Amino acid sequence: MMLFIHLGGDMVLNADRIVAIVDHHSYSSSVENQEFLKYKKKQKSTVKVTEDTPKSFVITEDDVYLSPISSHTLKRRAETSTIVSEEE
């Protein structure tokens, strides 16, 4: 069974890949978050989900997704995410 979360736009991500969902406001208040995001941008490992202003960062082992959806909404979606049977 696989769970998927809609991050906005046309982006859907397998929930198993998500390491963390971080509120965008923490970016400006945390030097560590700023350095992490600069590092990921330099590595070309950031994906801007839409042209809208990001409200959250969805971190996977490989990439950081800049989502226009709040971290609270993404958390709620994770709790009620779409279930797809591996048999389908």
PDB file of N, CA and C in Angstrom:
ATOM      1  N   MET A   1       0.842  -1.168   0.000  1.00  0.00           N
ATOM      2  CA  MET A   1       0.000   0.000   0.000  1.00  0.00           C
ATOM      3  C   MET A   1       0.897   1.244   0.000  1.00  0.00           C
ATOM      4  N   MET A   2       0.556   2.187  -0.883  1.00  0.00           N
ATOM      5  CA  MET A   2       1.327   3.423  -0.978  1.00  0.00           C
ATOM      6  C   MET A   2       0.411   4.604  -0.691  1.00  0.00           C
ATOM      7  N   LEU A   3       0.945   5.595   0.053  1.00  0.00           N
ATOM      8  CA  LEU A   3       0.193   6.797   0.379  1.00  0.00           C
ATOM      9  C   LEU A   3       0.784   7.970  -0.384  1.00  0.00           C
ATOM     10  N   PHE A   4      -0.086   8.824  -0.950  1.00  0.00           N
ATOM     11  CA  PHE A   4       0.362   9.970  -1.712  1.00  0.00           C
ATOM     12  C   PHE A   4      -0.187  11.254  -1.112  1.00  0.00           C
ATOM     13  N   ILE A   5       0.605  12.332  -1.208  1.00  0.00           N
ATOM     14  CA  ILE A   5       0.199  13.643  -0.709  1.00  0.00           C
ATOM     15  C   ILE A   5       0.323  14.644  -1.846  1.00  0.00           C
ATOM     16  N   HIS A   6      -0.732  15.420  -2.064  1.00  0.00           N
ATOM     17  CA  HIS A   6      -0.728  16.465  -3.081  1.00  0.00           C
ATOM     18  C   HIS A   6      -0.053  17.704  -2.503  1.00  0.00           C
ATOM     19  N   LEU A   7       1.043  18.167  -3.150  1.00  0.00           N
ATOM     20  CA  LEU A   7       1.821  19.298  -2.655  1.00  0.00           C
ATOM     21  C   LEU A   7       1.407  20.623  -3.289  1.00  0.00           C
ATOM     22  N   GLY A   8       0.469  20.579  -4.231  1.00  0.00           N
ATOM     23  CA  GLY A   8       0.063  21.773  -4.957  1.00  0.00           C
ATOM     24  C   GLY A   8       0.395  21.605  -6.428  1.00  0.00           C
ATOM     25  N   GLY A   9      -0.231  22.418  -7.266  1.00  0.00           N
ATOM     26  CA  GLY A   9       0.008  22.305  -8.701  1.00  0.00           C
ATOM     27  C   GLY A   9      -0.273  20.892  -9.167  1.00  0.00           C
ATOM     28  N   ASP A  10       0.640  20.347  -9.958  1.00  0.00           N
ATOM     29  CA  ASP A  10       0.514  18.971 -10.448  1.00  0.00           C
ATOM     30  C   ASP A  10       1.392  17.994  -9.677  1.00  0.00           C
ATOM     31  N   MET A  11       1.896  18.426  -8.523  1.00  0.00           N
ATOM     32  CA  MET A  11       2.876  17.615  -7.789  1.00  0.00           C
ATOM     33  C   MET A  11       2.208  16.748  -6.728  1.00  0.00           C
ATOM     34  N   VAL A  12       2.432  15.450  -6.859  1.00  0.00           N
ATOM     35  CA  VAL A  12       1.985  14.466  -5.879  1.00  0.00           C
ATOM     36  C   VAL A  12       3.221  13.670  -5.483  1.00  0.00           C
ATOM     37  N   LEU A  13       3.369  13.440  -4.187  1.00  0.00           N
ATOM     38  CA  LEU A  13       4.579  12.791  -3.684  1.00  0.00           C
ATOM     39  C   LEU A  13       4.201  11.589  -2.837  1.00  0.00           C
ATOM     40  N   ASN A  14       4.953  10.514  -2.994  1.00  0.00           N
ATOM     41  CA  ASN A  14       4.769   9.330  -2.167  1.00  0.00           C
ATOM     42  C   ASN A  14       5.118   9.713  -0.727  1.00  0.00           C
ATOM     43  N   ALA A  15       4.203   9.501   0.189  1.00  0.00           N
ATOM     44  CA  ALA A  15       4.394   9.899   1.587  1.00  0.00           C
ATOM     45  C   ALA A  15       5.598   9.222   2.229  1.00  0.00           C
ATOM     46  N   ASP A  16       5.961   8.055   1.765  1.00  0.00           N
ATOM     47  CA  ASP A  16       7.124   7.348   2.323  1.00  0.00           C
ATOM     48  C   ASP A  16       8.430   8.093   2.065  1.00  0.00           C
ATOM     49  N   ARG A  17       8.456   8.953   1.063  1.00  0.00           N
ATOM     50  CA  ARG A  17       9.678   9.687   0.719  1.00  0.00           C
ATOM     51  C   ARG A  17       9.889  10.911   1.609  1.00  0.00           C
ATOM     52  N   ILE A  18       8.849  11.357   2.295  1.00  0.00           N
ATOM     53  CA  ILE A  18       8.927  12.603   3.064  1.00  0.00           C
ATOM     54  C   ILE A  18       9.672  12.390   4.374  1.00  0.00           C
ATOM     55  N   VAL A  19      10.685  13.237   4.581  1.00  0.00           N
ATOM     56  CA  VAL A  19      11.458  13.216   5.819  1.00  0.00           C
ATOM     57  C   VAL A  19      10.893  14.239   6.796  1.00  0.00           C
ATOM     58  N   ALA A  20      10.534  15.438   6.266  1.00  0.00           N
ATOM     59  CA  ALA A  20      10.008  16.507   7.121  1.00  0.00           C
ATOM     60  C   ALA A  20       9.196  17.491   6.290  1.00  0.00           C
ATOM     61  N   ILE A  21       8.265  18.136   6.956  1.00  0.00           N
ATOM     62  CA  ILE A  21       7.509  19.246   6.379  1.00  0.00           C
ATOM     63  C   ILE A  21       7.757  20.436   7.293  1.00  0.00           C
ATOM     64  N   VAL A  22       8.330  21.509   6.728  1.00  0.00           N
ATOM     65  CA  VAL A  22       8.756  22.661   7.516  1.00  0.00           C
ATOM     66  C   VAL A  22       7.979  23.896   7.083  1.00  0.00           C
ATOM     67  N   ASP A  23       7.477  24.638   8.045  1.00  0.00           N
ATOM     68  CA  ASP A  23       6.777  25.884   7.764  1.00  0.00           C
ATOM     69  C   ASP A  23       7.745  26.915   7.190  1.00  0.00           C
ATOM     70  N   HIS A  24       7.321  27.639   6.184  1.00  0.00           N
ATOM     71  CA  HIS A  24       8.184  28.627   5.524  1.00  0.00           C
ATOM     72  C   HIS A  24       8.646  29.725   6.476  1.00  0.00           C
ATOM     73  N   HIS A  25       7.838  30.076   7.461  1.00  0.00           N
ATOM     74  CA  HIS A  25       8.220  31.130   8.408  1.00  0.00           C
ATOM     75  C   HIS A  25       9.471  30.762   9.202  1.00  0.00           C
ATOM     76  N   SER A  26       9.705  29.486   9.388  1.00  0.00           N
ATOM     77  CA  SER A  26      10.902  29.080  10.123  1.00  0.00           C
ATOM     78  C   SER A  26      12.166  29.357   9.316  1.00  0.00           C
ATOM     79  N   TYR A  27      12.015  29.516   8.008  1.00  0.00           N
ATOM     80  CA  TYR A  27      13.169  29.826   7.163  1.00  0.00           C
ATOM     81  C   TYR A  27      13.812  31.142   7.578  1.00  0.00           C
ATOM     82  N   SER A  28      12.994  32.166   7.748  1.00  0.00           N
ATOM     83  CA  SER A  28      13.547  33.485   8.075  1.00  0.00           C
ATOM     84  C   SER A  28      14.040  33.568   9.516  1.00  0.00           C
ATOM     85  N   SER A  29      13.556  32.704  10.384  1.00  0.00           N
ATOM     86  CA  SER A  29      13.962  32.773  11.789  1.00  0.00           C
ATOM     87  C   SER A  29      15.070  31.785  12.150  1.00  0.00           C
ATOM     88  N   SER A  30      15.537  31.000  11.196  1.00  0.00           N
ATOM     89  CA  SER A  30      16.547  29.980  11.491  1.00  0.00           C
ATOM     90  C   SER A  30      17.704  30.063  10.499  1.00  0.00           C
ATOM     91  N   VAL A  31      18.872  30.369  10.991  1.00  0.00           N
ATOM     92  CA  VAL A  31      20.071  30.421  10.152  1.00  0.00           C
ATOM     93  C   VAL A  31      20.351  29.037   9.559  1.00  0.00           C
ATOM     94  N   GLU A  32      20.118  27.993  10.343  1.00  0.00           N
ATOM     95  CA  GLU A  32      20.355  26.626   9.870  1.00  0.00           C
ATOM     96  C   GLU A  32      19.461  26.302   8.676  1.00  0.00           C
ATOM     97  N   ASN A  33      18.177  26.693   8.765  1.00  0.00           N
ATOM     98  CA  ASN A  33      17.263  26.450   7.649  1.00  0.00           C
ATOM     99  C   ASN A  33      17.687  27.229   6.411  1.00  0.00           C
ATOM    100  N   GLN A  34      18.133  28.464   6.586  1.00  0.00           N
ATOM    101  CA  GLN A  34      18.592  29.270   5.463  1.00  0.00           C
ATOM    102  C   GLN A  34      19.809  28.621   4.792  1.00  0.00           C
ATOM    103  N   GLU A  35      20.759  28.166   5.591  1.00  0.00           N
ATOM    104  CA  GLU A  35      21.958  27.522   5.056  1.00  0.00           C
ATOM    105  C   GLU A  35      21.605  26.214   4.340  1.00  0.00           C
ATOM    106  N   PHE A  36      20.704  25.442   4.922  1.00  0.00           N
ATOM    107  CA  PHE A  36      20.280  24.181   4.316  1.00  0.00           C
ATOM    108  C   PHE A  36      19.647  24.435   2.952  1.00  0.00           C
ATOM    109  N   LEU A  37      18.740  25.407   2.877  1.00  0.00           N
ATOM    110  CA  LEU A  37      18.068  25.683   1.620  1.00  0.00           C
ATOM    111  C   LEU A  37      19.042  26.251   0.580  1.00  0.00           C
ATOM    112  N   LYS A  38      19.971  27.088   0.995  1.00  0.00           N
ATOM    113  CA  LYS A  38      20.996  27.597   0.067  1.00  0.00           C
ATOM    114  C   LYS A  38      21.818  26.439  -0.492  1.00  0.00           C
ATOM    115  N   TYR A  39      22.188  25.514   0.381  1.00  0.00           N
ATOM    116  CA  TYR A  39      22.957  24.347  -0.034  1.00  0.00           C
ATOM    117  C   TYR A  39      22.182  23.512  -1.058  1.00  0.00           C
ATOM    118  N   LYS A  40      20.907  23.259  -0.783  1.00  0.00           N
ATOM    119  CA  LYS A  40      20.078  22.454  -1.692  1.00  0.00           C
ATOM    120  C   LYS A  40      19.869  23.175  -3.025  1.00  0.00           C
ATOM    121  N   LYS A  41      19.717  24.512  -2.986  1.00  0.00           N
ATOM    122  CA  LYS A  41      19.571  25.271  -4.235  1.00  0.00           C
ATOM    123  C   LYS A  41      20.857  25.196  -5.052  1.00  0.00           C
ATOM    124  N   LYS A  42      21.989  25.302  -4.391  1.00  0.00           N
ATOM    125  CA  LYS A  42      23.280  25.226  -5.071  1.00  0.00           C
ATOM    126  C   LYS A  42      23.451  23.860  -5.741  1.00  0.00           C
ATOM    127  N   GLN A  43      22.953  22.816  -5.096  1.00  0.00           N
ATOM    128  CA  GLN A  43      23.014  21.463  -5.649  1.00  0.00           C
ATOM    129  C   GLN A  43      21.931  21.212  -6.699  1.00  0.00           C
ATOM    130  N   LYS A  44      21.087  22.220  -6.926  1.00  0.00           N
ATOM    131  CA  LYS A  44      19.936  22.090  -7.838  1.00  0.00           C
ATOM    132  C   LYS A  44      19.003  20.969  -7.387  1.00  0.00           C
ATOM    133  N   SER A  45      18.798  20.925  -6.074  1.00  0.00           N
ATOM    134  CA  SER A  45      17.943  19.900  -5.474  1.00  0.00           C
ATOM    135  C   SER A  45      16.669  20.494  -4.894  1.00  0.00           C
ATOM    136  N   THR A  46      16.264  21.660  -5.408  1.00  0.00           N
ATOM    137  CA  THR A  46      14.997  22.238  -4.967  1.00  0.00           C
ATOM    138  C   THR A  46      14.018  22.205  -6.134  1.00  0.00           C
ATOM    139  N   VAL A  47      12.761  21.947  -5.803  1.00  0.00           N
ATOM    140  CA  VAL A  47      11.704  21.896  -6.797  1.00  0.00           C
ATOM    141  C   VAL A  47      10.619  22.868  -6.366  1.00  0.00           C
ATOM    142  N   LYS A  48      10.394  23.903  -7.167  1.00  0.00           N
ATOM    143  CA  LYS A  48       9.327  24.852  -6.871  1.00  0.00           C
ATOM    144  C   LYS A  48       8.055  24.288  -7.483  1.00  0.00           C
ATOM    145  N   VAL A  49       7.105  23.931  -6.628  1.00  0.00           N
ATOM    146  CA  VAL A  49       5.897  23.232  -7.058  1.00  0.00           C
ATOM    147  C   VAL A  49       5.043  24.110  -7.968  1.00  0.00           C
ATOM    148  N   THR A  50       4.873  25.380  -7.619  1.00  0.00           N
ATOM    149  CA  THR A  50       4.143  26.343  -8.455  1.00  0.00           C
ATOM    150  C   THR A  50       4.876  27.679  -8.389  1.00  0.00           C
ATOM    151  N   GLU A  51       4.410  28.638  -9.126  1.00  0.00           N
ATOM    152  CA  GLU A  51       5.002  29.981  -9.100  1.00  0.00           C
ATOM    153  C   GLU A  51       4.524  30.787  -7.893  1.00  0.00           C
ATOM    154  N   ASP A  52       3.541  30.274  -7.151  1.00  0.00           N
ATOM    155  CA  ASP A  52       3.059  30.945  -5.953  1.00  0.00           C
ATOM    156  C   ASP A  52       4.151  30.973  -4.889  1.00  0.00           C
ATOM    157  N   THR A  53       4.028  31.914  -3.957  1.00  0.00           N
ATOM    158  CA  THR A  53       4.977  32.021  -2.856  1.00  0.00           C
ATOM    159  C   THR A  53       4.933  30.759  -2.003  1.00  0.00           C
ATOM    160  N   PRO A  54       6.088  30.150  -1.715  1.00  0.00           N
ATOM    161  CA  PRO A  54       6.099  28.947  -0.877  1.00  0.00           C
ATOM    162  C   PRO A  54       5.613  29.240   0.542  1.00  0.00           C
ATOM    163  N   LYS A  55       4.813  28.316   1.064  1.00  0.00           N
ATOM    164  CA  LYS A  55       4.356  28.401   2.452  1.00  0.00           C
ATOM    165  C   LYS A  55       4.987  27.300   3.294  1.00  0.00           C
ATOM    166  N   SER A  56       5.555  26.299   2.614  1.00  0.00           N
ATOM    167  CA  SER A  56       6.204  25.212   3.340  1.00  0.00           C
ATOM    168  C   SER A  56       7.280  24.582   2.476  1.00  0.00           C
ATOM    169  N   PHE A  57       8.189  23.874   3.147  1.00  0.00           N
ATOM    170  CA  PHE A  57       9.227  23.093   2.489  1.00  0.00           C
ATOM    171  C   PHE A  57       8.966  21.630   2.816  1.00  0.00           C
ATOM    172  N   VAL A  58       8.905  20.803   1.795  1.00  0.00           N
ATOM    173  CA  VAL A  58       8.740  19.374   1.999  1.00  0.00           C
ATOM    174  C   VAL A  58      10.088  18.741   1.672  1.00  0.00           C
ATOM    175  N   ILE A  59      10.706  18.152   2.675  1.00  0.00           N
ATOM    176  CA  ILE A  59      12.059  17.634   2.540  1.00  0.00           C
ATOM    177  C   ILE A  59      12.011  16.118   2.354  1.00  0.00           C
ATOM    178  N   THR A  60      12.695  15.647   1.305  1.00  0.00           N
ATOM    179  CA  THR A  60      12.887  14.218   1.085  1.00  0.00           C
ATOM    180  C   THR A  60      14.391  13.953   1.181  1.00  0.00           C
ATOM    181  N   GLU A  61      14.794  12.712   1.058  1.00  0.00           N
ATOM    182  CA  GLU A  61      16.218  12.400   1.119  1.00  0.00           C
ATOM    183  C   GLU A  61      16.985  13.056  -0.023  1.00  0.00           C
ATOM    184  N   ASP A  62      16.320  13.267  -1.160  1.00  0.00           N
ATOM    185  CA  ASP A  62      17.001  13.791  -2.339  1.00  0.00           C
ATOM    186  C   ASP A  62      16.744  15.264  -2.612  1.00  0.00           C
ATOM    187  N   ASP A  63      15.523  15.728  -2.408  1.00  0.00           N
ATOM    188  CA  ASP A  63      15.119  17.063  -2.835  1.00  0.00           C
ATOM    189  C   ASP A  63      14.351  17.805  -1.753  1.00  0.00           C
ATOM    190  N   VAL A  64      14.192  19.111  -2.003  1.00  0.00           N
ATOM    191  CA  VAL A  64      13.332  19.951  -1.177  1.00  0.00           C
ATOM    192  C   VAL A  64      12.275  20.534  -2.109  1.00  0.00           C
ATOM    193  N   TYR A  65      11.018  20.328  -1.786  1.00  0.00           N
ATOM    194  CA  TYR A  65       9.904  20.838  -2.579  1.00  0.00           C
ATOM    195  C   TYR A  65       9.366  22.091  -1.909  1.00  0.00           C
ATOM    196  N   LEU A  66       9.273  23.180  -2.673  1.00  0.00           N
ATOM    197  CA  LEU A  66       8.748  24.444  -2.166  1.00  0.00           C
ATOM    198  C   LEU A  66       7.269  24.468  -2.511  1.00  0.00           C
ATOM    199  N   SER A  67       6.438  24.267  -1.512  1.00  0.00           N
ATOM    200  CA  SER A  67       5.001  24.109  -1.718  1.00  0.00           C
ATOM    201  C   SER A  67       4.230  25.381  -1.347  1.00  0.00           C
ATOM    202  N   PRO A  68       3.213  25.729  -2.151  1.00  0.00           N
ATOM    203  CA  PRO A  68       2.370  26.878  -1.826  1.00  0.00           C
ATOM    204  C   PRO A  68       1.320  26.550  -0.770  1.00  0.00           C
ATOM    205  N   ILE A  69       1.347  25.340  -0.258  1.00  0.00           N
ATOM    206  CA  ILE A  69       0.349  24.882   0.718  1.00  0.00           C
ATOM    207  C   ILE A  69       0.984  24.901   2.110  1.00  0.00           C
ATOM    208  N   SER A  70       0.232  25.351   3.086  1.00  0.00           N
ATOM    209  CA  SER A  70       0.765  25.471   4.445  1.00  0.00           C
ATOM    210  C   SER A  70       1.139  24.103   5.012  1.00  0.00           C
ATOM    211  N   SER A  71       2.081  24.127   5.949  1.00  0.00           N
ATOM    212  CA  SER A  71       2.507  22.884   6.587  1.00  0.00           C
ATOM    213  C   SER A  71       1.359  22.212   7.336  1.00  0.00           C
ATOM    214  N   HIS A  72       0.451  23.006   7.883  1.00  0.00           N
ATOM    215  CA  HIS A  72      -0.704  22.453   8.607  1.00  0.00           C
ATOM    216  C   HIS A  72      -1.622  21.690   7.660  1.00  0.00           C
ATOM    217  N   THR A  73      -1.866  22.259   6.481  1.00  0.00           N
ATOM    218  CA  THR A  73      -2.707  21.588   5.493  1.00  0.00           C
ATOM    219  C   THR A  73      -2.037  20.321   4.987  1.00  0.00           C
ATOM    220  N   LEU A  74      -0.740  20.381   4.735  1.00  0.00           N
ATOM    221  CA  LEU A  74      -0.028  19.185   4.282  1.00  0.00           C
ATOM    222  C   LEU A  74      -0.054  18.093   5.339  1.00  0.00           C
ATOM    223  N   LYS A  75       0.071  18.475   6.598  1.00  0.00           N
ATOM    224  CA  LYS A  75      -0.019  17.497   7.691  1.00  0.00           C
ATOM    225  C   LYS A  75      -1.393  16.834   7.692  1.00  0.00           C
ATOM    226  N   ARG A  76      -2.429  17.637   7.533  1.00  0.00           N
ATOM    227  CA  ARG A  76      -3.786  17.092   7.492  1.00  0.00           C
ATOM    228  C   ARG A  76      -3.945  16.154   6.298  1.00  0.00           C
ATOM    229  N   ARG A  77      -3.383  16.538   5.151  1.00  0.00           N
ATOM    230  CA  ARG A  77      -3.452  15.674   3.969  1.00  0.00           C
ATOM    231  C   ARG A  77      -2.704  14.366   4.204  1.00  0.00           C
ATOM    232  N   ALA A  78      -1.593  14.434   4.928  1.00  0.00           N
ATOM    233  CA  ALA A  78      -0.830  13.220   5.224  1.00  0.00           C
ATOM    234  C   ALA A  78      -1.646  12.269   6.093  1.00  0.00           C
ATOM    235  N   GLU A  79      -2.438  12.836   6.976  1.00  0.00           N
ATOM    236  CA  GLU A  79      -3.270  12.012   7.864  1.00  0.00           C
ATOM    237  C   GLU A  79      -4.446  11.387   7.135  1.00  0.00           C
ATOM    238  N   THR A  80      -4.857  11.997   6.017  1.00  0.00           N
ATOM    239  CA  THR A  80      -5.995  11.483   5.247  1.00  0.00           C
ATOM    240  C   THR A  80      -5.605  11.298   3.788  1.00  0.00           C
ATOM    241  N   SER A  81      -4.355  10.917   3.521  1.00  0.00           N
ATOM    242  CA  SER A  81      -3.839  10.838   2.161  1.00  0.00           C
ATOM    243  C   SER A  81      -4.474   9.717   1.371  1.00  0.00           C
ATOM    244  N   THR A  82      -4.335   9.806   0.057  1.00  0.00           N
ATOM    245  CA  THR A  82      -4.889   8.837  -0.868  1.00  0.00           C
ATOM    246  C   THR A  82      -4.122   7.520  -0.764  1.00  0.00           C
ATOM    247  N   ILE A  83      -4.852   6.459  -0.623  1.00  0.00           N
ATOM    248  CA  ILE A  83      -4.246   5.131  -0.525  1.00  0.00           C
ATOM    249  C   ILE A  83      -4.392   4.433  -1.861  1.00  0.00           C
ATOM    250  N   VAL A  84      -3.283   3.917  -2.380  1.00  0.00           N
ATOM    251  CA  VAL A  84      -3.296   3.178  -3.634  1.00  0.00           C
ATOM    252  C   VAL A  84      -2.731   1.796  -3.339  1.00  0.00           C
ATOM    253  N   SER A  85      -3.500   0.793  -3.654  1.00  0.00           N
ATOM    254  CA  SER A  85      -3.043  -0.573  -3.438  1.00  0.00           C
ATOM    255  C   SER A  85      -1.948  -0.907  -4.449  1.00  0.00           C
ATOM    256  N   GLU A  86      -0.918  -1.614  -4.004  1.00  0.00           N
ATOM    257  CA  GLU A  86       0.166  -2.004  -4.893  1.00  0.00           C
ATOM    258  C   GLU A  86      -0.312  -3.022  -5.912  1.00  0.00           C
ATOM    259  N   GLU A  87      -1.476  -3.606  -5.697  1.00  0.00           N
ATOM    260  CA  GLU A  87      -2.008  -4.604  -6.620  1.00  0.00           C
ATOM    261  C   GLU A  87      -2.634  -3.954  -7.828  1.00  0.00           C
ATOM    262  N   GLU A  88      -2.947  -2.653  -7.762  1.00  0.00           N
ATOM    263  CA  GLU A  88      -3.601  -1.968  -8.889  1.00  0.00           C
ATOM    264  C   GLU A  88      -2.646  -1.718 -10.004  1.00  0.00           C
TER     265      GLU A  88
END
